[in-house]
Amino acid sequence: MEMGLYDRIQRLCEDRKISIARLESDCGFSNSTIKKWKATSTPGVDKIKAIAQYFGVTVDYLLGLTEIPTSADEICGDPDIISIQRAKSKMVKGDPQRMMQMLRIGFDYAFKDDE
C-alpha cells in the first residue's frame, strides 16, 4: 500500500518518538493542522517545506515521489556522488544501465574478499 503524506509524517514522528501534536507545536502550526491532512484538507507548500526541514528529509519524500528521504547533497555532500547524479541526468537511453554495470564491477573488484 502506498503511503500518503500523512502516513509518512506519522512514521517520521514515530521514528523520532514525538507526537504529531508536538510536531505541530514545534513547526508553529495550530492544533490538529496535520491531522486534518489525513482526510479533509491539503497543506500549503510552506507547511510541507517546514516539515521536510524539521525532519531533514526532502519534500519529494514527504509527497511520495521518492523512497529516498534525503538528496545526494544532503547524504554527505560528496562531490563524486553529486557528479554521478548529474552525469546520469544527461545520459541517453541505455547509458544509465551501462554506468551501473561498470560501478557494480568496480565495487565487486574493490571490495572482494582476499583469500
PDB file of N, CA and C in Angstrom:
ATOM      1  N   MET A   1       0.835  -1.189   0.000  1.00  0.00           N
ATOM      2  CA  MET A   1       0.000   0.000   0.000  1.00  0.00           C
ATOM      3  C   MET A   1       0.873   1.243   0.000  1.00  0.00           C
ATOM      4  N   GLU A   2       0.547   2.166  -0.840  1.00  0.00           N
ATOM      5  CA  GLU A   2       1.319   3.401  -0.967  1.00  0.00           C
ATOM      6  C   GLU A   2       1.045   4.317   0.223  1.00  0.00           C
ATOM      7  N   MET A   3       2.123   4.882   0.762  1.00  0.00           N
ATOM      8  CA  MET A   3       1.982   5.792   1.896  1.00  0.00           C
ATOM      9  C   MET A   3       1.729   7.206   1.396  1.00  0.00           C
ATOM     10  N   GLY A   4       0.740   7.868   1.976  1.00  0.00           N
ATOM     11  CA  GLY A   4       0.449   9.248   1.652  1.00  0.00           C
ATOM     12  C   GLY A   4       1.246  10.186   2.549  1.00  0.00           C
ATOM     13  N   LEU A   5       1.024  11.459   2.359  1.00  0.00           N
ATOM     14  CA  LEU A   5       1.729  12.488   3.121  1.00  0.00           C
ATOM     15  C   LEU A   5       1.540  12.290   4.619  1.00  0.00           C
ATOM     16  N   TYR A   6       0.298  12.145   5.056  1.00  0.00           N
ATOM     17  CA  TYR A   6       0.037  11.984   6.485  1.00  0.00           C
ATOM     18  C   TYR A   6       0.747  10.742   7.038  1.00  0.00           C
ATOM     19  N   ASP A   7       0.697   9.634   6.294  1.00  0.00           N
ATOM     20  CA  ASP A   7       1.333   8.393   6.744  1.00  0.00           C
ATOM     21  C   ASP A   7       2.840   8.563   6.901  1.00  0.00           C
ATOM     22  N   ARG A   8       3.459   9.265   5.959  1.00  0.00           N
ATOM     23  CA  ARG A   8       4.908   9.483   6.051  1.00  0.00           C
ATOM     24  C   ARG A   8       5.249  10.363   7.253  1.00  0.00           C
ATOM     25  N   ILE A   9       4.447  11.394   7.468  1.00  0.00           N
ATOM     26  CA  ILE A   9       4.690  12.265   8.618  1.00  0.00           C
ATOM     27  C   ILE A   9       4.506  11.476   9.913  1.00  0.00           C
ATOM     28  N   GLN A  10       3.469  10.671   9.963  1.00  0.00           N
ATOM     29  CA  GLN A  10       3.216   9.865  11.155  1.00  0.00           C
ATOM     30  C   GLN A  10       4.384   8.910  11.424  1.00  0.00           C
ATOM     31  N   ARG A  11       4.899   8.284  10.371  1.00  0.00           N
ATOM     32  CA  ARG A  11       6.033   7.366  10.544  1.00  0.00           C
ATOM     33  C   ARG A  11       7.280   8.114  11.022  1.00  0.00           C
ATOM     34  N   LEU A  12       7.550   9.288  10.456  1.00  0.00           N
ATOM     35  CA  LEU A  12       8.695  10.086  10.888  1.00  0.00           C
ATOM     36  C   LEU A  12       8.564  10.466  12.366  1.00  0.00           C
ATOM     37  N   CYS A  13       7.350  10.816  12.773  1.00  0.00           N
ATOM     38  CA  CYS A  13       7.117  11.137  14.184  1.00  0.00           C
ATOM     39  C   CYS A  13       7.368   9.914  15.062  1.00  0.00           C
ATOM     40  N   GLU A  14       6.868   8.776  14.646  1.00  0.00           N
ATOM     41  CA  GLU A  14       7.080   7.538  15.417  1.00  0.00           C
ATOM     42  C   GLU A  14       8.560   7.201  15.521  1.00  0.00           C
ATOM     43  N   ASP A  15       9.275   7.332  14.399  1.00  0.00           N
ATOM     44  CA  ASP A  15      10.713   7.035  14.392  1.00  0.00           C
ATOM     45  C   ASP A  15      11.479   7.925  15.365  1.00  0.00           C
ATOM     46  N   ARG A  16      11.023   9.154  15.521  1.00  0.00           N
ATOM     47  CA  ARG A  16      11.716  10.109  16.405  1.00  0.00           C
ATOM     48  C   ARG A  16      11.051  10.232  17.778  1.00  0.00           C
ATOM     49  N   LYS A  17      10.043   9.366  17.966  1.00  0.00           N
ATOM     50  CA  LYS A  17       9.349   9.299  19.257  1.00  0.00           C
ATOM     51  C   LYS A  17       8.769  10.644  19.701  1.00  0.00           C
ATOM     52  N   ILE A  18       8.106  11.296  18.749  1.00  0.00           N
ATOM     53  CA  ILE A  18       7.383  12.529  19.079  1.00  0.00           C
ATOM     54  C   ILE A  18       5.947  12.382  18.583  1.00  0.00           C
ATOM     55  N   SER A  19       5.071  13.150  19.150  1.00  0.00           N
ATOM     56  CA  SER A  19       3.670  13.116  18.718  1.00  0.00           C
ATOM     57  C   SER A  19       3.465  14.105  17.570  1.00  0.00           C
ATOM     58  N   ILE A  20       2.380  13.902  16.868  1.00  0.00           N
ATOM     59  CA  ILE A  20       2.025  14.850  15.809  1.00  0.00           C
ATOM     60  C   ILE A  20       1.723  16.211  16.434  1.00  0.00           C
ATOM     61  N   ALA A  21       1.110  16.205  17.613  1.00  0.00           N
ATOM     62  CA  ALA A  21       0.829  17.469  18.313  1.00  0.00           C
ATOM     63  C   ALA A  21       2.127  18.214  18.616  1.00  0.00           C
ATOM     64  N   ARG A  22       3.165  17.489  19.001  1.00  0.00           N
ATOM     65  CA  ARG A  22       4.477  18.111  19.270  1.00  0.00           C
ATOM     66  C   ARG A  22       5.062  18.688  17.984  1.00  0.00           C
ATOM     67  N   LEU A  23       4.955  17.940  16.883  1.00  0.00           N
ATOM     68  CA  LEU A  23       5.437  18.427  15.590  1.00  0.00           C
ATOM     69  C   LEU A  23       4.703  19.713  15.204  1.00  0.00           C
ATOM     70  N   GLU A  24       3.398  19.706  15.361  1.00  0.00           N
ATOM     71  CA  GLU A  24       2.615  20.898  15.040  1.00  0.00           C
ATOM     72  C   GLU A  24       3.085  22.090  15.868  1.00  0.00           C
ATOM     73  N   SER A  25       3.299  21.859  17.145  1.00  0.00           N
ATOM     74  CA  SER A  25       3.763  22.929  18.037  1.00  0.00           C
ATOM     75  C   SER A  25       5.146  23.422  17.632  1.00  0.00           C
ATOM     76  N   ASP A  26       6.072  22.491  17.388  1.00  0.00           N
ATOM     77  CA  ASP A  26       7.442  22.858  17.016  1.00  0.00           C
ATOM     78  C   ASP A  26       7.503  23.620  15.697  1.00  0.00           C
ATOM     79  N   CYS A  27       6.577  23.314  14.799  1.00  0.00           N
ATOM     80  CA  CYS A  27       6.553  23.981  13.490  1.00  0.00           C
ATOM     81  C   CYS A  27       5.704  25.253  13.490  1.00  0.00           C
ATOM     82  N   GLY A  28       5.058  25.532  14.613  1.00  0.00           N
ATOM     83  CA  GLY A  28       4.233  26.732  14.705  1.00  0.00           C
ATOM     84  C   GLY A  28       2.869  26.603  14.052  1.00  0.00           C
ATOM     85  N   PHE A  29       2.393  25.374  13.886  1.00  0.00           N
ATOM     86  CA  PHE A  29       1.077  25.137  13.300  1.00  0.00           C
ATOM     87  C   PHE A  29       0.042  25.119  14.421  1.00  0.00           C
ATOM     88  N   SER A  30      -1.197  25.404  14.077  1.00  0.00           N
ATOM     89  CA  SER A  30      -2.261  25.304  15.078  1.00  0.00           C
ATOM     90  C   SER A  30      -2.590  23.826  15.328  1.00  0.00           C
ATOM     91  N   ASN A  31      -3.255  23.578  16.452  1.00  0.00           N
ATOM     92  CA  ASN A  31      -3.611  22.205  16.830  1.00  0.00           C
ATOM     93  C   ASN A  31      -4.436  21.520  15.747  1.00  0.00           C
ATOM     94  N   SER A  32      -4.149  20.276  15.512  1.00  0.00           N
ATOM     95  CA  SER A  32      -4.860  19.405  14.562  1.00  0.00           C
ATOM     96  C   SER A  32      -4.678  19.791  13.099  1.00  0.00           C
ATOM     97  N   THR A  33      -3.749  20.697  12.803  1.00  0.00           N
ATOM     98  CA  THR A  33      -3.496  21.075  11.402  1.00  0.00           C
ATOM     99  C   THR A  33      -3.113  19.846  10.587  1.00  0.00           C
ATOM    100  N   ILE A  34      -2.136  19.092  11.067  1.00  0.00           N
ATOM    101  CA  ILE A  34      -1.636  17.934  10.311  1.00  0.00           C
ATOM    102  C   ILE A  34      -2.676  16.827  10.276  1.00  0.00           C
ATOM    103  N   LYS A  35      -3.384  16.628  11.369  1.00  0.00           N
ATOM    104  CA  LYS A  35      -4.403  15.577  11.401  1.00  0.00           C
ATOM    105  C   LYS A  35      -5.481  15.806  10.348  1.00  0.00           C
ATOM    106  N   LYS A  36      -5.763  17.066  10.035  1.00  0.00           N
ATOM    107  CA  LYS A  36      -6.764  17.383   9.001  1.00  0.00           C
ATOM    108  C   LYS A  36      -6.300  16.910   7.623  1.00  0.00           C
ATOM    109  N   TRP A  37      -4.990  16.829   7.421  1.00  0.00           N
ATOM    110  CA  TRP A  37      -4.462  16.411   6.117  1.00  0.00           C
ATOM    111  C   TRP A  37      -4.769  14.953   5.822  1.00  0.00           C
ATOM    112  N   LYS A  38      -5.063  14.207   6.853  1.00  0.00           N
ATOM    113  CA  LYS A  38      -5.315  12.779   6.662  1.00  0.00           C
ATOM    114  C   LYS A  38      -6.516  12.545   5.752  1.00  0.00           C
ATOM    115  N   ALA A  39      -7.532  13.398   5.874  1.00  0.00           N
ATOM    116  CA  ALA A  39      -8.736  13.128   5.091  1.00  0.00           C
ATOM    117  C   ALA A  39      -9.381  14.348   4.450  1.00  0.00           C
ATOM    118  N   THR A  40      -9.251  15.514   5.076  1.00  0.00           N
ATOM    119  CA  THR A  40     -10.122  16.597   4.628  1.00  0.00           C
ATOM    120  C   THR A  40      -9.456  17.791   3.966  1.00  0.00           C
ATOM    121  N   SER A  41      -8.190  18.033   4.206  1.00  0.00           N
ATOM    122  CA  SER A  41      -7.606  19.245   3.620  1.00  0.00           C
ATOM    123  C   SER A  41      -6.239  18.964   3.021  1.00  0.00           C
ATOM    124  N   THR A  42      -5.792  19.897   2.226  1.00  0.00           N
ATOM    125  CA  THR A  42      -4.493  19.794   1.573  1.00  0.00           C
ATOM    126  C   THR A  42      -3.599  20.915   2.089  1.00  0.00           C
ATOM    127  N   PRO A  43      -2.386  20.564   2.532  1.00  0.00           N
ATOM    128  CA  PRO A  43      -1.495  21.587   3.088  1.00  0.00           C
ATOM    129  C   PRO A  43      -0.883  22.463   2.005  1.00  0.00           C
ATOM    130  N   GLY A  44      -0.466  23.649   2.416  1.00  0.00           N
ATOM    131  CA  GLY A  44       0.272  24.524   1.523  1.00  0.00           C
ATOM    132  C   GLY A  44       1.728  24.087   1.438  1.00  0.00           C
ATOM    133  N   VAL A  45       2.381  24.538   0.400  1.00  0.00           N
ATOM    134  CA  VAL A  45       3.781  24.191   0.177  1.00  0.00           C
ATOM    135  C   VAL A  45       4.645  24.629   1.359  1.00  0.00           C
ATOM    136  N   ASP A  46       4.345  25.781   1.937  1.00  0.00           N
ATOM    137  CA  ASP A  46       5.146  26.281   3.055  1.00  0.00           C
ATOM    138  C   ASP A  46       5.113  25.330   4.248  1.00  0.00           C
ATOM    139  N   LYS A  47       3.972  24.703   4.497  1.00  0.00           N
ATOM    140  CA  LYS A  47       3.863  23.774   5.618  1.00  0.00           C
ATOM    141  C   LYS A  47       4.612  22.460   5.328  1.00  0.00           C
ATOM    142  N   ILE A  48       4.493  21.980   4.107  1.00  0.00           N
ATOM    143  CA  ILE A  48       5.217  20.757   3.735  1.00  0.00           C
ATOM    144  C   ILE A  48       6.723  21.008   3.824  1.00  0.00           C
ATOM    145  N   LYS A  49       7.153  22.159   3.340  1.00  0.00           N
ATOM    146  CA  LYS A  49       8.578  22.508   3.390  1.00  0.00           C
ATOM    147  C   LYS A  49       9.058  22.602   4.838  1.00  0.00           C
ATOM    148  N   ALA A  50       8.252  23.177   5.719  1.00  0.00           N
ATOM    149  CA  ALA A  50       8.631  23.294   7.132  1.00  0.00           C
ATOM    150  C   ALA A  50       8.812  21.913   7.764  1.00  0.00           C
ATOM    151  N   ILE A  51       7.927  20.983   7.436  1.00  0.00           N
ATOM    152  CA  ILE A  51       8.043  19.626   7.979  1.00  0.00           C
ATOM    153  C   ILE A  51       9.260  18.923   7.404  1.00  0.00           C
ATOM    154  N   ALA A  52       9.514  19.093   6.121  1.00  0.00           N
ATOM    155  CA  ALA A  52      10.697  18.490   5.500  1.00  0.00           C
ATOM    156  C   ALA A  52      11.968  18.995   6.186  1.00  0.00           C
ATOM    157  N   GLN A  53      12.049  20.280   6.427  1.00  0.00           N
ATOM    158  CA  GLN A  53      13.224  20.845   7.104  1.00  0.00           C
ATOM    159  C   GLN A  53      13.317  20.345   8.543  1.00  0.00           C
ATOM    160  N   TYR A  54      12.208  20.235   9.207  1.00  0.00           N
ATOM    161  CA  TYR A  54      12.183  19.763  10.596  1.00  0.00           C
ATOM    162  C   TYR A  54      12.795  18.364  10.692  1.00  0.00           C
ATOM    163  N   PHE A  55      12.398  17.486   9.779  1.00  0.00           N
ATOM    164  CA  PHE A  55      12.875  16.105   9.820  1.00  0.00           C
ATOM    165  C   PHE A  55      14.154  15.873   9.013  1.00  0.00           C
ATOM    166  N   GLY A  56      14.568  16.859   8.223  1.00  0.00           N
ATOM    167  CA  GLY A  56      15.758  16.676   7.393  1.00  0.00           C
ATOM    168  C   GLY A  56      15.531  15.727   6.236  1.00  0.00           C
ATOM    169  N   VAL A  57      14.333  15.779   5.668  1.00  0.00           N
ATOM    170  CA  VAL A  57      14.005  14.959   4.503  1.00  0.00           C
ATOM    171  C   VAL A  57      13.617  15.896   3.357  1.00  0.00           C
ATOM    172  N   THR A  58      13.480  15.349   2.179  1.00  0.00           N
ATOM    173  CA  THR A  58      13.086  16.169   1.037  1.00  0.00           C
ATOM    174  C   THR A  58      11.562  16.259   0.952  1.00  0.00           C
ATOM    175  N   VAL A  59      11.095  17.315   0.312  1.00  0.00           N
ATOM    176  CA  VAL A  59       9.665  17.468   0.043  1.00  0.00           C
ATOM    177  C   VAL A  59       9.201  16.312  -0.846  1.00  0.00           C
ATOM    178  N   ASP A  60      10.042  15.923  -1.806  1.00  0.00           N
ATOM    179  CA  ASP A  60       9.693  14.797  -2.681  1.00  0.00           C
ATOM    180  C   ASP A  60       9.426  13.529  -1.874  1.00  0.00           C
ATOM    181  N   TYR A  61      10.214  13.294  -0.836  1.00  0.00           N
ATOM    182  CA  TYR A  61       9.994  12.126   0.010  1.00  0.00           C
ATOM    183  C   TYR A  61       8.637  12.223   0.718  1.00  0.00           C
ATOM    184  N   LEU A  62       8.350  13.377   1.300  1.00  0.00           N
ATOM    185  CA  LEU A  62       7.071  13.545   2.003  1.00  0.00           C
ATOM    186  C   LEU A  62       5.888  13.324   1.066  1.00  0.00           C
ATOM    187  N   LEU A  63       6.025  13.769  -0.172  1.00  0.00           N
ATOM    188  CA  LEU A  63       4.928  13.659  -1.135  1.00  0.00           C
ATOM    189  C   LEU A  63       4.845  12.282  -1.800  1.00  0.00           C
ATOM    190  N   GLY A  64       5.801  11.407  -1.490  1.00  0.00           N
ATOM    191  CA  GLY A  64       5.781  10.065  -2.053  1.00  0.00           C
ATOM    192  C   GLY A  64       6.349   9.966  -3.453  1.00  0.00           C
ATOM    193  N   LEU A  65       7.107  10.981  -3.878  1.00  0.00           N
ATOM    194  CA  LEU A  65       7.702  10.957  -5.217  1.00  0.00           C
ATOM    195  C   LEU A  65       8.999  10.164  -5.249  1.00  0.00           C
ATOM    196  N   THR A  66       9.559   9.880  -4.070  1.00  0.00           N
ATOM    197  CA  THR A  66      10.762   9.072  -3.960  1.00  0.00           C
ATOM    198  C   THR A  66      10.715   8.321  -2.640  1.00  0.00           C
ATOM    199  N   GLU A  67      11.402   7.209  -2.594  1.00  0.00           N
ATOM    200  CA  GLU A  67      11.519   6.448  -1.346  1.00  0.00           C
ATOM    201  C   GLU A  67      12.804   6.799  -0.609  1.00  0.00           C
ATOM    202  N   ILE A  68      13.613   7.667  -1.193  1.00  0.00           N
ATOM    203  CA  ILE A  68      14.871   8.080  -0.581  1.00  0.00           C
ATOM    204  C   ILE A  68      14.617   9.385   0.162  1.00  0.00           C
ATOM    205  N   PRO A  69      14.769   9.371   1.497  1.00  0.00           N
ATOM    206  CA  PRO A  69      14.400  10.551   2.272  1.00  0.00           C
ATOM    207  C   PRO A  69      15.276  11.787   2.056  1.00  0.00           C
ATOM    208  N   THR A  70      16.523  11.603   1.660  1.00  0.00           N
ATOM    209  CA  THR A  70      17.418  12.749   1.516  1.00  0.00           C
ATOM    210  C   THR A  70      18.024  12.786   0.126  1.00  0.00           C
ATOM    211  N   SER A  71      18.417  13.970  -0.289  1.00  0.00           N
ATOM    212  CA  SER A  71      19.054  14.118  -1.601  1.00  0.00           C
ATOM    213  C   SER A  71      20.533  13.751  -1.494  1.00  0.00           C
ATOM    214  N   ALA A  72      21.177  13.585  -2.622  1.00  0.00           N
ATOM    215  CA  ALA A  72      22.604  13.259  -2.624  1.00  0.00           C
ATOM    216  C   ALA A  72      23.406  14.357  -1.931  1.00  0.00           C
ATOM    217  N   ASP A  73      23.003  15.603  -2.127  1.00  0.00           N
ATOM    218  CA  ASP A  73      23.707  16.708  -1.472  1.00  0.00           C
ATOM    219  C   ASP A  73      23.628  16.581   0.043  1.00  0.00           C
ATOM    220  N   GLU A  74      22.466  16.142   0.555  1.00  0.00           N
ATOM    221  CA  GLU A  74      22.270  16.051   1.994  1.00  0.00           C
ATOM    222  C   GLU A  74      22.886  14.798   2.590  1.00  0.00           C
ATOM    223  N   ILE A  75      23.029  13.742   1.796  1.00  0.00           N
ATOM    224  CA  ILE A  75      23.587  12.498   2.322  1.00  0.00           C
ATOM    225  C   ILE A  75      24.977  12.743   2.859  1.00  0.00           C
ATOM    226  N   CYS A  76      25.801  13.347   2.068  1.00  0.00           N
ATOM    227  CA  CYS A  76      27.156  13.593   2.553  1.00  0.00           C
ATOM    228  C   CYS A  76      27.829  14.745   1.829  1.00  0.00           C
ATOM    229  N   GLY A  77      27.176  15.305   0.839  1.00  0.00           N
ATOM    230  CA  GLY A  77      27.795  16.386   0.090  1.00  0.00           C
ATOM    231  C   GLY A  77      29.005  15.916  -0.707  1.00  0.00           C
ATOM    232  N   ASP A  78      29.134  14.617  -0.866  1.00  0.00           N
ATOM    233  CA  ASP A  78      30.267  14.036  -1.578  1.00  0.00           C
ATOM    234  C   ASP A  78      30.230  14.476  -3.040  1.00  0.00           C
ATOM    235  N   PRO A  79      31.270  15.167  -3.504  1.00  0.00           N
ATOM    236  CA  PRO A  79      31.261  15.651  -4.886  1.00  0.00           C
ATOM    237  C   PRO A  79      31.208  14.523  -5.916  1.00  0.00           C
ATOM    238  N   ASP A  80      31.721  13.341  -5.581  1.00  0.00           N
ATOM    239  CA  ASP A  80      31.664  12.224  -6.518  1.00  0.00           C
ATOM    240  C   ASP A  80      30.227  11.748  -6.723  1.00  0.00           C
ATOM    241  N   ILE A  81      29.476  11.666  -5.645  1.00  0.00           N
ATOM    242  CA  ILE A  81      28.077  11.248  -5.754  1.00  0.00           C
ATOM    243  C   ILE A  81      27.286  12.278  -6.556  1.00  0.00           C
ATOM    244  N   ILE A  82      27.530  13.528  -6.281  1.00  0.00           N
ATOM    245  CA  ILE A  82      26.839  14.600  -6.999  1.00  0.00           C
ATOM    246  C   ILE A  82      27.201  14.568  -8.478  1.00  0.00           C
ATOM    247  N   SER A  83      28.473  14.325  -8.801  1.00  0.00           N
ATOM    248  CA  SER A  83      28.905  14.241 -10.206  1.00  0.00           C
ATOM    249  C   SER A  83      28.232  13.089 -10.930  1.00  0.00           C
ATOM    250  N   ILE A  84      28.134  11.939 -10.262  1.00  0.00           N
ATOM    251  CA  ILE A  84      27.477  10.782 -10.871  1.00  0.00           C
ATOM    252  C   ILE A  84      26.005  11.089 -11.122  1.00  0.00           C
ATOM    253  N   GLN A  85      25.381  11.719 -10.151  1.00  0.00           N
ATOM    254  CA  GLN A  85      23.967  12.071 -10.290  1.00  0.00           C
ATOM    255  C   GLN A  85      23.760  13.031 -11.464  1.00  0.00           C
ATOM    256  N   ARG A  86      24.618  14.023 -11.587  1.00  0.00           N
ATOM    257  CA  ARG A  86      24.496  14.981 -12.699  1.00  0.00           C
ATOM    258  C   ARG A  86      24.773  14.315 -14.042  1.00  0.00           C
ATOM    259  N   ALA A  87      25.785  13.448 -14.083  1.00  0.00           N
ATOM    260  CA  ALA A  87      26.111  12.750 -15.329  1.00  0.00           C
ATOM    261  C   ALA A  87      24.941  11.871 -15.760  1.00  0.00           C
ATOM    262  N   LYS A  88      24.322  11.186 -14.807  1.00  0.00           N
ATOM    263  CA  LYS A  88      23.211  10.303 -15.128  1.00  0.00           C
ATOM    264  C   LYS A  88      22.058  11.077 -15.755  1.00  0.00           C
ATOM    265  N   SER A  89      21.826  12.295 -15.292  1.00  0.00           N
ATOM    266  CA  SER A  89      20.706  13.080 -15.820  1.00  0.00           C
ATOM    267  C   SER A  89      20.927  13.507 -17.267  1.00  0.00           C
ATOM    268  N   LYS A  90      22.172  13.462 -17.745  1.00  0.00           N
ATOM    269  CA  LYS A  90      22.484  13.884 -19.110  1.00  0.00           C
ATOM    270  C   LYS A  90      22.635  12.705 -20.074  1.00  0.00           C
ATOM    271  N   MET A  91      22.490  11.486 -19.563  1.00  0.00           N
ATOM    272  CA  MET A  91      22.718  10.303 -20.389  1.00  0.00           C
ATOM    273  C   MET A  91      21.546  10.013 -21.308  1.00  0.00           C
ATOM    274  N   VAL A  92      21.854   9.295 -22.367  1.00  0.00           N
ATOM    275  CA  VAL A  92      20.824   8.840 -23.293  1.00  0.00           C
ATOM    276  C   VAL A  92      20.403   7.424 -22.906  1.00  0.00           C
ATOM    277  N   LYS A  93      19.343   6.950 -23.526  1.00  0.00           N
ATOM    278  CA  LYS A  93      18.796   5.632 -23.214  1.00  0.00           C
ATOM    279  C   LYS A  93      19.895   4.562 -23.241  1.00  0.00           C
ATOM    280  N   GLY A  94      19.931   3.747 -22.224  1.00  0.00           N
ATOM    281  CA  GLY A  94      20.907   2.658 -22.145  1.00  0.00           C
ATOM    282  C   GLY A  94      22.154   3.021 -21.370  1.00  0.00           C
ATOM    283  N   ASP A  95      22.539   4.302 -21.373  1.00  0.00           N
ATOM    284  CA  ASP A  95      23.751   4.711 -20.659  1.00  0.00           C
ATOM    285  C   ASP A  95      23.659   4.501 -19.141  1.00  0.00           C
ATOM    286  N   PRO A  96      22.542   4.819 -18.501  1.00  0.00           N
ATOM    287  CA  PRO A  96      22.487   4.605 -17.049  1.00  0.00           C
ATOM    288  C   PRO A  96      22.717   3.141 -16.652  1.00  0.00           C
ATOM    289  N   GLN A  97      22.162   2.209 -17.439  1.00  0.00           N
ATOM    290  CA  GLN A  97      22.363   0.795 -17.137  1.00  0.00           C
ATOM    291  C   GLN A  97      23.829   0.405 -17.290  1.00  0.00           C
ATOM    292  N   ARG A  98      24.477   0.918 -18.338  1.00  0.00           N
ATOM    293  CA  ARG A  98      25.903   0.619 -18.543  1.00  0.00           C
ATOM    294  C   ARG A  98      26.743   1.219 -17.419  1.00  0.00           C
ATOM    295  N   MET A  99      26.397   2.441 -16.991  1.00  0.00           N
ATOM    296  CA  MET A  99      27.127   3.076 -15.897  1.00  0.00           C
ATOM    297  C   MET A  99      27.004   2.240 -14.623  1.00  0.00           C
ATOM    298  N   MET A 100      25.801   1.780 -14.326  1.00  0.00           N
ATOM    299  CA  MET A 100      25.600   0.993 -13.111  1.00  0.00           C
ATOM    300  C   MET A 100      26.338  -0.344 -13.206  1.00  0.00           C
ATOM    301  N   GLN A 101      26.376  -0.941 -14.380  1.00  0.00           N
ATOM    302  CA  GLN A 101      27.127  -2.182 -14.573  1.00  0.00           C
ATOM    303  C   GLN A 101      28.605  -1.956 -14.262  1.00  0.00           C
ATOM    304  N   MET A 102      29.153  -0.859 -14.780  1.00  0.00           N
ATOM    305  CA  MET A 102      30.565  -0.551 -14.541  1.00  0.00           C
ATOM    306  C   MET A 102      30.822  -0.309 -13.059  1.00  0.00           C
ATOM    307  N   LEU A 103      29.933   0.410 -12.408  1.00  0.00           N
ATOM    308  CA  LEU A 103      30.103   0.663 -10.976  1.00  0.00           C
ATOM    309  C   LEU A 103      30.043  -0.637 -10.171  1.00  0.00           C
ATOM    310  N   ARG A 104      29.095  -1.507 -10.509  1.00  0.00           N
ATOM    311  CA  ARG A 104      28.990  -2.793  -9.796  1.00  0.00           C
ATOM    312  C   ARG A 104      30.253  -3.628  -9.971  1.00  0.00           C
ATOM    313  N   ILE A 105      30.770  -3.679 -11.198  1.00  0.00           N
ATOM    314  CA  ILE A 105      32.008  -4.427 -11.452  1.00  0.00           C
ATOM    315  C   ILE A 105      33.152  -3.830 -10.634  1.00  0.00           C
ATOM    316  N   GLY A 106      33.245  -2.501 -10.629  1.00  0.00           N
ATOM    317  CA  GLY A 106      34.292  -1.841  -9.855  1.00  0.00           C
ATOM    318  C   GLY A 106      34.160  -2.103  -8.365  1.00  0.00           C
ATOM    319  N   PHE A 107      32.945  -2.018  -7.842  1.00  0.00           N
ATOM    320  CA  PHE A 107      32.734  -2.284  -6.412  1.00  0.00           C
ATOM    321  C   PHE A 107      33.039  -3.740  -6.074  1.00  0.00           C
ATOM    322  N   ASP A 108      32.578  -4.651  -6.934  1.00  0.00           N
ATOM    323  CA  ASP A 108      32.856  -6.071  -6.688  1.00  0.00           C
ATOM    324  C   ASP A 108      34.358  -6.323  -6.635  1.00  0.00           C
ATOM    325  N   TYR A 109      35.084  -5.725  -7.551  1.00  0.00           N
ATOM    326  CA  TYR A 109      36.545  -5.903  -7.584  1.00  0.00           C
ATOM    327  C   TYR A 109      37.205  -5.250  -6.359  1.00  0.00           C
ATOM    328  N   ALA A 110      36.811  -4.038  -6.057  1.00  0.00           N
ATOM    329  CA  ALA A 110      37.443  -3.297  -4.964  1.00  0.00           C
ATOM    330  C   ALA A 110      37.165  -3.899  -3.593  1.00  0.00           C
ATOM    331  N   PHE A 111      35.997  -4.499  -3.457  1.00  0.00           N
ATOM    332  CA  PHE A 111      35.605  -4.989  -2.123  1.00  0.00           C
ATOM    333  C   PHE A 111      35.533  -6.514  -2.036  1.00  0.00           C
ATOM    334  N   LYS A 112      36.159  -7.186  -2.974  1.00  0.00           N
ATOM    335  CA  LYS A 112      36.139  -8.654  -2.921  1.00  0.00           C
ATOM    336  C   LYS A 112      36.991  -9.108  -1.728  1.00  0.00           C
ATOM    337  N   ASP A 113      36.609 -10.239  -1.202  1.00  0.00           N
ATOM    338  CA  ASP A 113      37.358 -10.799  -0.082  1.00  0.00           C
ATOM    339  C   ASP A 113      38.645 -11.413  -0.607  1.00  0.00           C
ATOM    340  N   ASP A 114      39.758 -10.953  -0.063  1.00  0.00           N
ATOM    341  CA  ASP A 114      41.048 -11.541  -0.439  1.00  0.00           C
ATOM    342  C   ASP A 114      41.228 -12.815   0.357  1.00  0.00           C
ATOM    343  N   GLU A 115      41.622 -13.869  -0.327  1.00  0.00           N
ATOM    344  CA  GLU A 115      41.792 -15.158   0.344  1.00  0.00           C
ATOM    345  C   GLU A 115      43.206 -15.354   0.785  1.00  0.00           C
TER     346      GLU A 115
END
